[in-house]
Amino acid sequence: MKADTLYTGKFLALVKEGRWEYVDRVGATGAAIVIAVTDDQKLLLVEQYRIPVHARTIELPAGIVGDEPGDSSESFGDAARRELLEETGYAAEHFETLTSGPASSGLTSEVVTLVRASGLKRVGAGGGVAHEDITVHEVPLREAHEWLAARASEGLLIEPKVYAGLYFLGKGKFLQESPSKAPSSAPPGSLPTVN
C-alpha cells in the first residue's frame, strides 16, 4: 500500500496510508526512556508541562534518538545517557535495554526503548535544555505508587510508561542486585545491554 506524506513539519510528518493517518518522526530513529534508581533506592521521575495535553505530567526521563544536529546515527544508549544527564543531572555507569515496542501504534510509527540505568551519580542540576522547564523528583521506590496517586489527585497526568518501568523493576528484582548479576527480563529479540 502506498504511503502519502500529507504534511511535513520540523519534527513530525503526517502520513496517510490507505484509510489510516499517522505521524512519523522527522530526523529521528525512536525514543529512549530511562528507568533510573539511585543507590539509595529512589526512582528518578521528571515533571514538565506538555502542550498537547495542556497539563503538567510525571514521566520517566526520556528523549528522541538521533534528533541532535549532526548526530543522526546516535545509538539508543547514547540518547539514554544524554537525556538522563540533561533532564535529571545524573550520569550512569551502566545502561541495560529492557524492551522495545510501539509508543502508540494507532497514532505514530515511533518505537520506544525502555532502558534501565544503574550506577548513578549526580553531576549536575538537570532540568532539561534551554526551552525545557523540568522538575526532577527523587521518589523512594517503596512509596512510588502512593506518590504517583497523590500527584494524580493534584491534577498532574501520570504517563503510563512510569508504571511499565515499575513493572520491570519489580519483575527483574533489580532493587538490590548489581548490573552484572541482574537477570535479563528482556523478551527474545530485544536489544542487547548498552554500556
Protein backbone atom coordinates (compact mmCIF):
# COMPACT_ATOMS: atom_id res chain seq x y z
CA MET A 1 0.00 0.00 0.00
CA LYS A 2 1.31 3.41 -0.94
CA ALA A 3 2.03 5.93 1.82
CA ASP A 4 1.49 9.62 1.07
CA THR A 5 3.01 12.37 3.18
CA LEU A 6 0.28 14.97 3.75
CA TYR A 7 2.42 17.43 5.70
CA THR A 8 5.99 17.62 6.98
CA GLY A 9 6.91 19.93 9.84
CA LYS A 10 10.18 20.41 11.67
CA PHE A 11 9.66 17.39 13.97
CA LEU A 12 6.70 15.39 12.62
CA ALA A 13 5.24 14.26 9.31
CA LEU A 14 1.56 13.40 8.83
CA VAL A 15 1.28 10.30 6.67
CA LYS A 16 -1.76 8.67 5.02
CA GLU A 17 -1.59 5.01 4.11
CA GLY A 18 -4.82 3.63 2.74
CA ARG A 19 -7.52 4.89 5.13
CA TRP A 20 -5.05 5.30 8.03
CA GLU A 21 -3.41 8.55 9.08
CA TYR A 22 -0.43 8.56 11.46
CA VAL A 23 2.68 10.56 12.27
CA ASP A 24 6.34 9.80 11.66
CA ARG A 25 9.22 11.46 13.48
CA VAL A 26 11.37 13.62 11.19
CA GLY A 27 15.12 13.17 11.60
CA ALA A 28 14.92 10.64 14.44
CA THR A 29 15.04 6.87 14.86
CA GLY A 30 12.95 6.33 18.01
CA ALA A 31 12.91 7.28 21.67
CA ALA A 32 14.87 6.12 24.71
CA ILE A 33 13.01 6.01 28.04
CA VAL A 34 15.18 5.66 31.13
CA ILE A 35 14.27 3.77 34.30
CA ALA A 36 16.80 5.07 36.82
CA VAL A 37 17.02 4.15 40.51
CA THR A 38 19.68 5.67 42.76
CA ASP A 39 21.82 3.60 45.14
CA ASP A 40 19.55 4.71 47.98
CA GLN A 41 16.51 3.27 46.15
CA LYS A 42 14.95 6.45 44.76
CA LEU A 43 13.25 6.41 41.37
CA LEU A 44 14.07 9.41 39.19
CA LEU A 45 10.97 10.99 37.65
CA VAL A 46 10.55 14.25 35.77
CA GLU A 47 7.68 16.71 35.77
CA GLN A 48 7.01 19.12 32.94
CA TYR A 49 4.21 20.96 31.18
CA ARG A 50 3.18 19.24 27.96
CA ILE A 51 1.42 21.46 25.44
CA PRO A 52 -0.51 18.68 23.59
CA VAL A 53 -2.36 17.68 26.80
CA HIS A 54 -2.34 21.19 28.37
CA ALA A 55 -1.17 19.81 31.71
CA ARG A 56 1.87 19.02 33.81
CA THR A 57 2.93 15.40 33.52
CA ILE A 58 5.01 12.95 35.52
CA GLU A 59 7.29 10.88 33.30
CA LEU A 60 10.42 8.80 33.22
CA PRO A 61 13.41 10.70 31.80
CA ALA A 62 13.27 10.23 28.02
CA GLY A 63 14.19 11.66 24.69
CA ILE A 64 14.35 11.27 20.96
CA VAL A 65 17.18 9.23 19.44
CA GLY A 66 19.12 10.87 16.63
CA ASP A 67 17.49 14.30 16.79
CA GLU A 68 20.61 16.22 17.79
CA PRO A 69 22.02 18.28 14.89
CA GLY A 70 24.82 16.38 13.19
CA ASP A 71 24.21 13.16 15.13
CA SER A 72 21.58 11.23 13.17
CA SER A 73 23.44 7.96 13.87
CA GLU A 74 23.10 8.32 17.66
CA SER A 75 22.55 5.00 19.46
CA PHE A 76 19.75 4.32 21.96
CA GLY A 77 22.41 4.03 24.68
CA ASP A 78 23.94 7.39 23.83
CA ALA A 79 20.49 9.02 23.73
CA ALA A 80 19.58 7.47 27.10
CA ARG A 81 22.86 8.74 28.60
CA ARG A 82 22.34 12.26 27.16
CA GLU A 83 18.70 12.57 28.20
CA LEU A 84 19.26 11.24 31.74
CA LEU A 85 22.00 13.84 32.26
CA GLU A 86 20.09 16.74 30.66
CA GLU A 87 16.81 16.07 32.42
CA THR A 88 17.93 14.84 35.87
CA GLY A 89 21.58 15.85 36.29
CA TYR A 90 22.55 12.20 36.86
CA ALA A 91 25.18 10.19 35.00
CA ALA A 92 25.01 6.39 34.95
CA GLU A 93 27.74 3.77 34.74
CA HIS A 94 25.56 1.11 33.09
CA PHE A 95 22.59 1.02 30.73
CA GLU A 96 20.61 -2.13 30.01
CA THR A 97 17.95 -2.36 27.33
CA LEU A 98 14.81 -4.00 28.72
CA THR A 99 12.33 -3.93 25.84
CA SER A 100 11.26 -2.06 22.73
CA GLY A 101 7.85 -1.50 21.23
CA PRO A 102 5.43 0.97 19.70
CA ALA A 103 4.68 4.14 21.64
CA SER A 104 1.11 4.40 20.36
CA SER A 105 0.68 2.06 17.40
CA GLY A 106 -2.58 3.62 16.22
CA LEU A 107 -1.15 7.14 16.13
CA THR A 108 2.57 7.02 15.37
CA SER A 109 5.25 4.82 13.81
CA GLU A 110 7.60 5.67 16.69
CA VAL A 111 9.22 2.79 18.56
CA VAL A 112 10.38 3.40 22.13
CA THR A 113 13.06 1.51 24.04
CA LEU A 114 12.95 1.15 27.83
CA VAL A 115 16.46 1.31 29.27
CA ARG A 116 17.47 0.67 32.88
CA ALA A 117 20.25 2.93 34.19
CA SER A 118 22.35 1.96 37.19
CA GLY A 119 25.46 3.15 38.98
CA LEU A 120 24.01 6.66 39.19
CA LYS A 121 25.94 9.72 40.30
CA ARG A 122 24.59 13.26 40.45
CA VAL A 123 26.85 15.50 38.38
CA GLY A 124 24.57 18.44 37.54
CA ALA A 125 21.31 20.19 38.28
CA GLY A 126 19.22 18.66 35.49
CA GLY A 127 16.07 20.48 34.47
CA GLY A 128 16.46 20.00 30.72
CA VAL A 129 17.87 22.17 27.97
CA ALA A 130 17.13 25.84 27.24
CA HIS A 131 13.47 25.51 26.16
CA GLU A 132 12.55 22.92 28.81
CA ASP A 133 11.37 23.55 32.36
CA ILE A 134 11.76 20.17 34.03
CA THR A 135 11.40 19.46 37.74
CA VAL A 136 13.30 16.39 38.96
CA HIS A 137 11.67 14.15 41.58
CA GLU A 138 13.61 11.55 43.55
CA VAL A 139 10.85 9.25 44.81
CA PRO A 140 11.55 6.48 47.34
CA LEU A 141 10.81 3.33 45.39
CA ARG A 142 8.74 1.79 48.17
CA GLU A 143 6.47 4.85 48.14
CA ALA A 144 6.23 5.27 44.36
CA HIS A 145 2.61 4.14 43.90
CA GLU A 146 1.34 6.34 46.72
CA TRP A 147 3.40 9.29 45.49
CA LEU A 148 2.03 8.89 41.96
CA ALA A 149 -1.55 8.64 43.25
CA ALA A 150 -1.05 11.85 45.23
CA ARG A 151 0.28 13.68 42.15
CA ALA A 152 -2.66 12.41 40.08
CA SER A 153 -5.10 13.66 42.73
CA GLU A 154 -3.45 17.09 42.40
CA GLY A 155 -4.32 17.09 38.68
CA LEU A 156 -1.00 16.02 37.18
CA LEU A 157 -1.12 13.41 34.42
CA ILE A 158 0.94 10.28 35.01
CA GLU A 159 2.44 8.84 31.85
CA PRO A 160 1.64 5.08 31.79
CA LYS A 161 5.26 4.26 30.89
CA VAL A 162 6.10 5.09 34.52
CA TYR A 163 4.03 2.07 35.55
CA ALA A 164 5.76 -0.04 32.90
CA GLY A 165 9.07 0.98 34.44
CA LEU A 166 7.86 -0.02 37.90
CA TYR A 167 6.73 -3.37 36.47
CA PHE A 168 10.19 -4.07 35.06
CA LEU A 169 11.85 -3.03 38.31
CA GLY A 170 9.65 -5.43 40.27
CA LYS A 171 9.81 -8.27 37.77
CA GLY A 172 13.57 -8.17 37.40
CA LYS A 173 14.25 -7.83 41.13
CA PHE A 174 16.73 -5.08 40.24
CA LEU A 175 16.45 -3.29 43.54
CA GLN A 176 19.46 -4.76 45.32
CA GLU A 177 21.37 -6.50 42.53
CA SER A 178 24.40 -5.23 40.71
CA PRO A 179 24.01 -4.70 36.94
CA SER A 180 26.23 -7.68 36.15
CA LYS A 181 24.11 -10.04 38.30
CA ALA A 182 20.66 -8.76 37.40
CA PRO A 183 18.59 -11.31 35.50
CA SER A 184 17.58 -10.37 31.98
CA SER A 185 13.89 -9.58 31.71
CA ALA A 186 14.15 -8.50 28.09
CA PRO A 187 11.96 -10.51 25.72
CA PRO A 188 13.57 -12.56 22.95
CA GLY A 189 14.72 -10.39 20.06
CA SER A 190 15.20 -7.26 22.14
CA LEU A 191 18.30 -5.11 22.03
CA PRO A 192 21.45 -6.05 24.00
CA THR A 193 22.87 -4.40 27.09
CA VAL A 194 24.40 -0.97 26.44
CA ASN A 195 27.45 0.16 28.44
